[in-house]
Amino acid sequence: QLVAFIGAHEILVKPRANGMGTYDFGFGSELLEGADDAEIQRRQTSERNNGRLAMMAVLGMMWQDGTFGMSPFALMRETGLWGPNI
């Protein structure tokens, strides 16, 4: 099913005409229409910074899993949200 979905996506979804490039499939880029270059630059920088923050969050979860031997959610389930009871 996954291979069929990916194949259908490759065949049916094409970059839109007058897009920003070959990578532009039109998902949300209509929000950039009418924005000046400074606003587009600000939005792209904001999106990049949010992506970097998400990568750091995932890195922290991987570090916790390596240190304690369980995922953050499993550790929370075992010891509670704020740690073990005293």
Protein backbone atom coordinates (compact mmCIF):
# COMPACT_ATOMS: atom_id res chain seq x y z
CA GLN A 1 0.00 0.00 0.00
CA LEU A 2 2.82 2.38 0.85
CA VAL A 3 4.59 1.77 -2.47
CA ALA A 4 1.30 2.29 -4.32
CA PHE A 5 0.67 5.55 -2.45
CA ILE A 6 4.17 6.87 -3.15
CA GLY A 7 3.90 5.86 -6.80
CA ALA A 8 0.52 7.57 -7.17
CA HIS A 9 1.90 10.69 -5.50
CA GLU A 10 4.86 10.78 -7.89
CA ILE A 11 2.58 10.39 -10.92
CA LEU A 12 -0.36 12.61 -9.94
CA VAL A 13 1.20 15.49 -8.00
CA LYS A 14 3.11 17.87 -10.22
CA PRO A 15 4.72 21.22 -9.43
CA ARG A 16 2.25 24.00 -10.08
CA ALA A 17 2.60 26.49 -12.89
CA ASN A 18 4.25 29.79 -11.90
CA GLY A 19 5.48 28.22 -8.66
CA MET A 20 8.55 29.29 -6.73
CA GLY A 21 10.53 26.36 -8.19
CA THR A 22 10.36 22.67 -9.02
CA TYR A 23 9.94 21.96 -5.30
CA ASP A 24 6.78 24.09 -5.04
CA PHE A 25 3.70 21.86 -5.03
CA GLY A 26 1.45 24.69 -3.85
CA PHE A 27 0.97 23.51 -0.28
CA GLY A 28 0.43 26.76 1.63
CA SER A 29 2.42 28.96 -0.72
CA GLU A 30 -0.73 30.93 -1.53
CA LEU A 31 -0.14 32.62 1.82
CA LEU A 32 2.95 34.25 0.30
CA GLU A 33 1.08 35.84 -2.59
CA GLY A 34 1.17 39.61 -2.34
CA ALA A 35 3.85 39.62 0.38
CA ASP A 36 6.92 41.74 -0.18
CA ASP A 37 10.43 40.26 -0.17
CA ALA A 38 11.13 41.28 3.43
CA GLU A 39 7.99 39.49 4.65
CA ILE A 40 8.87 36.34 2.70
CA GLN A 41 12.38 36.45 4.16
CA ARG A 42 10.93 36.83 7.68
CA ARG A 43 8.53 33.91 7.21
CA GLN A 44 11.26 31.67 5.79
CA THR A 45 13.57 32.53 8.68
CA SER A 46 10.78 31.80 11.17
CA GLU A 47 10.07 28.45 9.52
CA ARG A 48 13.77 27.54 9.57
CA ASN A 49 14.09 28.45 13.24
CA ASN A 50 11.00 26.39 14.14
CA GLY A 51 12.51 23.44 12.27
CA ARG A 52 15.76 23.82 14.20
CA LEU A 53 13.84 23.93 17.49
CA ALA A 54 11.99 20.74 16.54
CA MET A 55 15.30 19.03 15.72
CA MET A 56 16.69 19.99 19.12
CA ALA A 57 13.56 18.62 20.82
CA VAL A 58 13.94 15.30 19.04
CA LEU A 59 17.65 15.25 19.90
CA GLY A 60 16.73 15.75 23.58
CA MET A 61 14.27 12.87 23.44
CA MET A 62 16.92 10.64 21.85
CA TRP A 63 19.45 11.65 24.52
CA GLN A 64 16.95 10.83 27.29
CA ASP A 65 16.21 7.46 25.69
CA GLY A 66 19.93 6.68 25.52
CA THR A 67 20.60 7.85 29.07
CA PHE A 68 17.67 6.23 30.89
CA GLY A 69 16.95 3.38 28.49
CA MET A 70 13.34 4.38 27.87
CA SER A 71 11.43 7.01 25.96
CA PRO A 72 10.28 10.18 27.73
CA PHE A 73 6.69 8.92 27.75
CA ALA A 74 7.64 5.54 29.20
CA LEU A 75 9.75 7.26 31.87
CA MET A 76 6.84 9.58 32.69
CA ARG A 77 4.48 6.59 32.92
CA GLU A 78 6.88 4.83 35.30
CA THR A 79 7.96 7.70 37.56
CA GLY A 80 5.16 10.22 37.07
CA LEU A 81 5.20 13.59 35.43
CA TRP A 82 7.32 15.28 38.11
CA GLY A 83 9.39 12.27 39.20
CA PRO A 84 8.85 9.60 41.81
CA ASN A 85 6.81 10.32 44.91
CA ILE A 86 8.82 11.17 48.02
